[in-house]
């Protein structure tokens, strides 16, 4: 496994982007044709020769129609998947050169992920959900709770720390999910349609929290919402797996 000292050494390179893609292509095989038995159906190209770089403090939007490659790009940027061809480097570390276990360690160290559907643990309080990633870091319970409470205050939920997810509104649950993604102080925050199931006013509050995260890390936000994308520094627009605009 890549040790922490190696990770920190890569992270300390001056002016290096937080995440970089060089000629990244990701293809998938649809599976075995039920008629032709062993013959495989043609592959689908989800991303085609995509290159980009994202620096610390940048707030970058990703947009495009369904099937354009947004989700595939986010999974690659987060180290949840690896490219078929090309290179994705998080803090200079080539994700394809790592085992699954090493990629998981890299994500834990450097990446926070916010999903549209929250993915909170129902049996844990808001504080417990936010503190959960720190268990893998070996942080003591008292310190885990202190950090979780600090972030819950930051997202405006200090008075809801002991509430279970089922006792929180959708917007509150999403803010807990953002606090959880930030508790390890990641260099990169990936947010996949974080306001997709929220009303306009609640979504705006969630975006305020995401926007504030750029004070400490790079943020990549995938969204269909033009108002959400208008908050970003630049928008990467995808179509048919290719970048058609990056401005």
Protein backbone atom coordinates (compact mmCIF):
# COMPACT_ATOMS: atom_id res chain seq x y z
CA UNK A 1 0.00 0.00 0.00
CA UNK A 2 1.17 3.52 -0.71
CA UNK A 3 2.23 4.91 2.65
CA UNK A 4 1.20 8.30 3.92
CA UNK A 5 4.68 9.78 3.56
CA UNK A 6 4.63 8.95 -0.17
CA UNK A 7 1.22 10.57 -0.50
CA UNK A 8 2.30 13.71 1.30
CA UNK A 9 5.47 13.95 -0.78
CA UNK A 10 3.42 13.91 -3.96
CA UNK A 11 1.03 16.46 -2.51
CA UNK A 12 3.82 18.87 -1.68
CA UNK A 13 4.93 19.45 -5.28
CA UNK A 14 4.67 23.21 -5.91
CA UNK A 15 1.95 24.44 -8.28
CA UNK A 16 0.83 20.87 -9.07
CA UNK A 17 -2.90 20.52 -9.82
CA UNK A 18 -4.97 18.63 -7.27
CA UNK A 19 -6.23 16.31 -10.01
CA UNK A 20 -5.18 15.96 -13.63
CA UNK A 21 -6.47 13.89 -16.57
CA UNK A 22 -4.28 13.27 -19.60
CA UNK A 23 -5.95 11.79 -22.71
CA UNK A 24 -8.33 9.76 -20.57
CA UNK A 25 -10.57 7.23 -22.29
CA UNK A 26 -12.96 4.89 -20.48
CA UNK A 27 -14.72 2.10 -22.35
CA UNK A 28 -17.15 -0.53 -21.10
CA UNK A 29 -18.17 -3.84 -22.64
CA UNK A 30 -21.88 -4.43 -22.62
CA UNK A 31 -21.47 -8.15 -21.97
CA UNK A 32 -21.93 -11.46 -23.76
CA UNK A 33 -24.47 -11.56 -26.56
CA UNK A 34 -27.21 -14.02 -25.49
CA UNK A 35 -27.55 -15.29 -29.09
CA UNK A 36 -23.89 -15.40 -30.11
CA UNK A 37 -23.01 -16.80 -26.67
CA UNK A 38 -19.31 -16.13 -26.19
CA UNK A 39 -19.00 -13.19 -28.52
CA UNK A 40 -19.01 -9.86 -26.76
CA UNK A 41 -21.12 -6.97 -27.91
CA UNK A 42 -19.31 -3.80 -29.03
CA UNK A 43 -17.78 -1.64 -26.32
CA UNK A 44 -19.29 1.68 -25.26
CA UNK A 45 -16.95 4.67 -25.00
CA UNK A 46 -18.08 6.68 -21.98
CA UNK A 47 -15.14 9.13 -22.12
CA UNK A 48 -12.96 9.80 -25.14
CA UNK A 49 -9.48 11.39 -24.85
CA UNK A 50 -10.41 13.83 -22.05
CA UNK A 51 -7.67 16.09 -20.67
CA UNK A 52 -8.11 18.61 -17.84
CA UNK A 53 -6.47 19.92 -14.68
CA UNK A 54 -8.08 21.30 -11.52
CA UNK A 55 -6.16 23.40 -9.00
CA UNK A 56 -6.69 23.93 -5.29
CA UNK A 57 -9.31 26.60 -4.62
CA UNK A 58 -11.04 26.10 -7.98
CA UNK A 59 -14.79 25.53 -8.15
CA UNK A 60 -15.38 23.60 -11.37
CA UNK A 61 -18.75 22.62 -12.80
CA UNK A 62 -19.42 19.60 -15.01
CA UNK A 63 -22.48 19.54 -17.23
CA UNK A 64 -23.89 17.66 -20.18
CA UNK A 65 -26.93 15.61 -21.22
CA UNK A 66 -27.56 12.07 -19.94
CA UNK A 67 -24.99 9.72 -21.37
CA UNK A 68 -22.44 12.50 -21.90
CA UNK A 69 -19.91 10.97 -19.48
CA UNK A 70 -20.42 13.13 -16.37
CA UNK A 71 -20.72 10.30 -13.87
CA UNK A 72 -17.83 8.41 -15.45
CA UNK A 73 -15.63 11.50 -15.20
CA UNK A 74 -16.52 12.02 -11.53
CA UNK A 75 -15.76 8.38 -10.70
CA UNK A 76 -12.36 8.70 -12.38
CA UNK A 77 -11.55 12.02 -10.69
CA UNK A 78 -12.45 10.50 -7.31
CA UNK A 79 -10.37 7.37 -7.87
CA UNK A 80 -13.47 5.16 -7.72
CA UNK A 81 -12.60 3.87 -11.20
CA UNK A 82 -9.55 3.88 -13.46
CA UNK A 83 -9.25 4.78 -17.15
CA UNK A 84 -8.97 2.26 -19.95
CA UNK A 85 -6.34 4.50 -21.51
CA UNK A 86 -4.64 7.67 -20.36
CA UNK A 87 -3.79 8.87 -16.87
CA UNK A 88 -5.71 10.27 -13.90
CA UNK A 89 -3.38 11.65 -11.22
CA UNK A 90 -4.54 12.79 -7.77
CA UNK A 91 -1.79 14.91 -6.23
CA UNK A 92 0.57 13.50 -8.83
CA UNK A 93 -0.25 9.87 -8.00
CA UNK A 94 -1.38 7.77 -11.00
CA UNK A 95 -4.56 6.02 -9.84
CA UNK A 96 -4.18 3.25 -12.42
CA UNK A 97 -0.85 2.23 -10.87
CA UNK A 98 -2.54 1.52 -7.52
CA UNK A 99 -4.38 -1.53 -6.25
CA UNK A 100 -8.01 -1.13 -5.18
CA UNK A 101 -6.87 -1.02 -1.57
CA UNK A 102 -4.31 1.68 -2.32
CA UNK A 103 -6.89 3.72 -4.23
CA UNK A 104 -9.24 3.46 -1.25
CA UNK A 105 -6.45 4.79 0.98
CA UNK A 106 -5.79 7.63 -1.48
CA UNK A 107 -9.48 8.58 -1.47
CA UNK A 108 -9.63 8.49 2.31
CA UNK A 109 -6.60 10.78 2.47
CA UNK A 110 -7.42 13.28 -0.28
CA UNK A 111 -11.00 13.01 -1.62
CA UNK A 112 -14.42 13.85 -0.20
CA UNK A 113 -17.52 12.69 -2.09
CA UNK A 114 -21.09 14.01 -1.86
CA UNK A 115 -23.82 12.02 -3.59
CA UNK A 116 -27.30 13.13 -4.58
CA UNK A 117 -28.96 10.59 -2.28
CA UNK A 118 -26.95 11.44 0.87
CA UNK A 119 -25.95 7.83 1.82
CA UNK A 120 -26.11 8.55 5.55
CA UNK A 121 -26.11 5.69 8.09
CA UNK A 122 -29.67 5.65 9.52
CA UNK A 123 -28.62 4.29 12.92
CA UNK A 124 -26.05 7.05 13.55
CA UNK A 125 -26.67 10.62 14.65
CA UNK A 126 -25.64 13.56 12.49
CA UNK A 127 -22.47 13.78 14.60
CA UNK A 128 -21.80 10.06 14.18
CA UNK A 129 -22.23 10.23 10.41
CA UNK A 130 -19.87 13.18 10.07
CA UNK A 131 -17.27 11.57 12.34
CA UNK A 132 -17.38 8.17 10.62
CA UNK A 133 -14.49 8.68 8.13
CA UNK A 134 -12.21 9.66 11.01
CA UNK A 135 -12.52 6.14 12.45
CA UNK A 136 -10.44 4.87 9.51
CA UNK A 137 -7.90 7.59 10.26
CA UNK A 138 -7.51 6.27 13.79
CA UNK A 139 -8.69 9.53 15.38
CA UNK A 140 -9.75 9.25 19.03
CA UNK A 141 -13.46 9.47 19.80
CA UNK A 142 -13.28 12.79 21.66
CA UNK A 143 -11.39 14.40 18.77
CA UNK A 144 -13.73 12.83 16.19
CA UNK A 145 -16.71 14.40 17.93
CA UNK A 146 -14.97 17.75 18.26
CA UNK A 147 -14.21 17.89 14.53
CA UNK A 148 -17.71 16.71 13.64
CA UNK A 149 -19.33 19.36 15.85
CA UNK A 150 -17.10 22.06 14.34
CA UNK A 151 -18.24 21.12 10.83
CA UNK A 152 -21.89 20.81 11.81
CA UNK A 153 -21.67 24.33 13.20
CA UNK A 154 -20.07 25.42 9.92
CA UNK A 155 -22.98 24.03 7.86
CA UNK A 156 -25.55 25.51 10.25
CA UNK A 157 -26.54 22.28 12.01
CA UNK A 158 -24.81 22.62 15.38
CA UNK A 159 -28.14 22.24 17.16
CA UNK A 160 -28.98 19.03 15.23
CA UNK A 161 -25.86 17.01 16.09
CA UNK A 162 -27.71 14.32 18.05
CA UNK A 163 -30.55 13.91 15.54
CA UNK A 164 -30.77 10.79 13.37
CA UNK A 165 -31.02 11.24 9.56
CA UNK A 166 -34.73 10.33 9.70
CA UNK A 167 -35.31 13.35 11.94
CA UNK A 168 -33.70 15.76 9.45
CA UNK A 169 -35.07 17.38 6.32
CA UNK A 170 -33.59 16.57 2.92
CA UNK A 171 -31.54 19.76 2.89
CA UNK A 172 -30.26 19.08 6.41
CA UNK A 173 -29.27 15.54 5.45
CA UNK A 174 -27.36 16.83 2.45
CA UNK A 175 -25.51 19.34 4.63
CA UNK A 176 -24.57 16.50 6.98
CA UNK A 177 -23.28 14.58 3.96
CA UNK A 178 -21.17 17.58 2.93
CA UNK A 179 -19.79 17.93 6.46
CA UNK A 180 -18.88 14.23 6.41
CA UNK A 181 -17.08 14.68 3.07
CA UNK A 182 -15.07 17.58 4.49
CA UNK A 183 -14.20 16.15 7.92
CA UNK A 184 -10.93 14.59 6.70
CA UNK A 185 -9.87 17.95 5.20
CA UNK A 186 -9.66 16.58 1.64
CA UNK A 187 -7.81 18.29 -1.18
CA UNK A 188 -10.67 17.47 -3.58
CA UNK A 189 -14.44 17.55 -3.03
CA UNK A 190 -16.59 15.76 -5.62
CA UNK A 191 -20.29 16.65 -5.55
CA UNK A 192 -22.61 14.68 -7.85
CA UNK A 193 -25.93 16.51 -8.32
CA UNK A 194 -26.04 17.48 -4.62
CA UNK A 195 -29.16 19.64 -5.08
CA UNK A 196 -31.01 17.37 -7.52
CA UNK A 197 -33.69 16.32 -5.03
CA UNK A 198 -33.98 19.61 -3.15
CA UNK A 199 -36.25 22.60 -3.63
CA UNK A 200 -34.72 25.83 -4.92
CA UNK A 201 -34.30 27.57 -1.56
CA UNK A 202 -32.85 24.52 0.19
CA UNK A 203 -30.61 23.81 -2.79
CA UNK A 204 -29.22 27.34 -2.59
CA UNK A 205 -28.26 26.81 1.06
CA UNK A 206 -26.48 23.58 0.18
CA UNK A 207 -24.61 25.32 -2.64
CA UNK A 208 -23.51 28.02 -0.19
CA UNK A 209 -21.82 25.30 1.86
CA UNK A 210 -20.20 23.72 -1.22
CA UNK A 211 -19.00 27.13 -2.40
CA UNK A 212 -17.38 27.85 0.97
CA UNK A 213 -15.43 24.58 0.71
CA UNK A 214 -13.23 26.12 -2.00
CA UNK A 215 -11.47 28.04 0.77
CA UNK A 216 -9.67 24.79 1.61
CA UNK A 217 -9.88 22.49 -1.42
CA UNK A 218 -10.75 22.06 -5.08
CA UNK A 219 -14.44 21.39 -5.76
CA UNK A 220 -15.96 19.58 -8.73
CA UNK A 221 -19.75 19.88 -9.01
CA UNK A 222 -21.80 17.92 -11.56
CA UNK A 223 -25.22 19.43 -12.16
CA UNK A 224 -27.97 20.02 -14.70
CA UNK A 225 -28.93 23.22 -12.86
CA UNK A 226 -27.75 26.41 -14.60
CA UNK A 227 -28.07 28.38 -11.35
CA UNK A 228 -25.74 25.93 -9.61
CA UNK A 229 -23.26 26.02 -12.49
CA UNK A 230 -23.33 29.83 -12.48
CA UNK A 231 -21.61 29.75 -9.09
CA UNK A 232 -18.57 27.91 -10.43
CA UNK A 233 -15.31 29.41 -11.74
CA UNK A 234 -15.57 27.45 -14.99
CA UNK A 235 -17.78 24.77 -16.50
CA UNK A 236 -16.58 21.67 -18.31
CA UNK A 237 -19.29 20.71 -20.80
CA UNK A 238 -19.39 17.13 -22.06
CA UNK A 239 -21.12 15.58 -25.02
CA UNK A 240 -20.70 12.00 -26.22
CA UNK A 241 -17.77 11.51 -23.87
CA UNK A 242 -15.77 14.49 -25.10
CA UNK A 243 -15.17 17.96 -23.70
CA UNK A 244 -16.91 20.43 -26.00
CA UNK A 245 -16.27 23.51 -23.83
CA UNK A 246 -14.14 24.35 -20.80
CA UNK A 247 -14.62 27.97 -19.78
